[in-house]
Amino acid sequence: MVEAFVRLLCPECGKEWQETPTELPAVRKNFSCPACHATRRLTEFMRTERDLEAVKQFQ
């Protein structure tokens, strides 16, 4: 099985990174940037709708 990755972008500091969908909390939960520790809903860190849909499929 090929492992999926979603691309994330911090709206505060602009840090970009990737995570596997299974390592992320539910889309409506709060999530913190590993660089600046800004906390927002996970959906606000998604780079594209496709990334958001990938996370929803694994939850």
C-alpha atoms as a PDB file:
ATOM      1  CA  MET A   1       0.000   0.000   0.000  1.00  0.00           C
ATOM      2  CA  VAL A   2       1.277   3.466  -0.882  1.00  0.00           C
ATOM      3  CA  GLU A   3       1.299   5.838   2.048  1.00  0.00           C
ATOM      4  CA  ALA A   4      -0.505   9.140   1.533  1.00  0.00           C
ATOM      5  CA  PHE A   5       0.824  12.517   2.562  1.00  0.00           C
ATOM      6  CA  VAL A   6      -0.952  15.826   2.947  1.00  0.00           C
ATOM      7  CA  ARG A   7       0.718  19.186   2.560  1.00  0.00           C
ATOM      8  CA  LEU A   8       0.339  21.694   5.363  1.00  0.00           C
ATOM      9  CA  LEU A   9       1.031  25.430   5.497  1.00  0.00           C
ATOM     10  CA  CYS A  10       1.024  27.530   8.654  1.00  0.00           C
ATOM     11  CA  PRO A  11      -1.094  30.659   8.136  1.00  0.00           C
ATOM     12  CA  GLU A  12       0.983  32.496  10.772  1.00  0.00           C
ATOM     13  CA  CYS A  13       4.647  31.837   9.940  1.00  0.00           C
ATOM     14  CA  GLY A  14       4.403  30.297   6.457  1.00  0.00           C
ATOM     15  CA  LYS A  15       6.139  27.017   7.388  1.00  0.00           C
ATOM     16  CA  GLU A  16       5.403  24.232   4.892  1.00  0.00           C
ATOM     17  CA  TRP A  17       5.590  20.521   5.726  1.00  0.00           C
ATOM     18  CA  GLN A  18       3.978  17.142   5.081  1.00  0.00           C
ATOM     19  CA  GLU A  19       2.243  14.674   7.400  1.00  0.00           C
ATOM     20  CA  THR A  20       0.491  11.377   6.921  1.00  0.00           C
ATOM     21  CA  PRO A  21      -3.285  11.718   7.377  1.00  0.00           C
ATOM     22  CA  THR A  22      -3.310   9.082  10.105  1.00  0.00           C
ATOM     23  CA  GLU A  23      -0.945  11.210  12.249  1.00  0.00           C
ATOM     24  CA  LEU A  24      -3.276  14.223  12.218  1.00  0.00           C
ATOM     25  CA  PRO A  25      -6.197  14.968  14.544  1.00  0.00           C
ATOM     26  CA  ALA A  26      -9.791  15.251  13.335  1.00  0.00           C
ATOM     27  CA  VAL A  27     -10.309  18.135  10.905  1.00  0.00           C
ATOM     28  CA  ARG A  28     -12.390  20.144  13.384  1.00  0.00           C
ATOM     29  CA  LYS A  29      -9.870  19.786  16.218  1.00  0.00           C
ATOM     30  CA  ASN A  30      -7.226  22.358  17.063  1.00  0.00           C
ATOM     31  CA  PHE A  31      -3.756  21.838  15.669  1.00  0.00           C
ATOM     32  CA  SER A  32      -0.495  23.655  16.402  1.00  0.00           C
ATOM     33  CA  CYS A  33       2.316  24.580  14.041  1.00  0.00           C
ATOM     34  CA  PRO A  34       5.543  22.795  15.002  1.00  0.00           C
ATOM     35  CA  ALA A  35       7.573  25.942  14.231  1.00  0.00           C
ATOM     36  CA  CYS A  36       5.690  28.895  15.751  1.00  0.00           C
ATOM     37  CA  HIS A  37       3.076  26.988  17.821  1.00  0.00           C
ATOM     38  CA  ALA A  38       0.161  28.952  16.343  1.00  0.00           C
ATOM     39  CA  THR A  39      -3.025  27.056  17.143  1.00  0.00           C
ATOM     40  CA  ARG A  40      -5.981  26.914  14.771  1.00  0.00           C
ATOM     41  CA  ARG A  41      -8.377  24.337  13.375  1.00  0.00           C
ATOM     42  CA  LEU A  42      -6.592  21.701  11.312  1.00  0.00           C
ATOM     43  CA  THR A  43      -8.545  22.752   8.217  1.00  0.00           C
ATOM     44  CA  GLU A  44      -6.801  26.144   8.254  1.00  0.00           C
ATOM     45  CA  PHE A  45      -3.411  24.421   7.782  1.00  0.00           C
ATOM     46  CA  MET A  46      -4.439  22.486   4.656  1.00  0.00           C
ATOM     47  CA  ARG A  47      -2.807  23.753   1.467  1.00  0.00           C
ATOM     48  CA  THR A  48      -5.514  22.517  -0.912  1.00  0.00           C
ATOM     49  CA  GLU A  49      -8.993  20.993  -0.938  1.00  0.00           C
ATOM     50  CA  ARG A  50      -7.387  17.750  -2.104  1.00  0.00           C
ATOM     51  CA  ASP A  51      -5.272  17.625   1.073  1.00  0.00           C
ATOM     52  CA  LEU A  52      -8.399  18.197   3.161  1.00  0.00           C
ATOM     53  CA  GLU A  53     -10.269  15.418   1.356  1.00  0.00           C
ATOM     54  CA  ALA A  54      -7.357  13.011   1.917  1.00  0.00           C
ATOM     55  CA  VAL A  55      -7.467  13.660   5.668  1.00  0.00           C
ATOM     56  CA  LYS A  56     -11.237  13.177   5.772  1.00  0.00           C
ATOM     57  CA  GLN A  57     -10.928   9.781   4.046  1.00  0.00           C
ATOM     58  CA  PHE A  58      -8.683   8.470   6.825  1.00  0.00           C
ATOM     59  CA  GLN A  59     -10.877   9.635   9.705  1.00  0.00           C
END
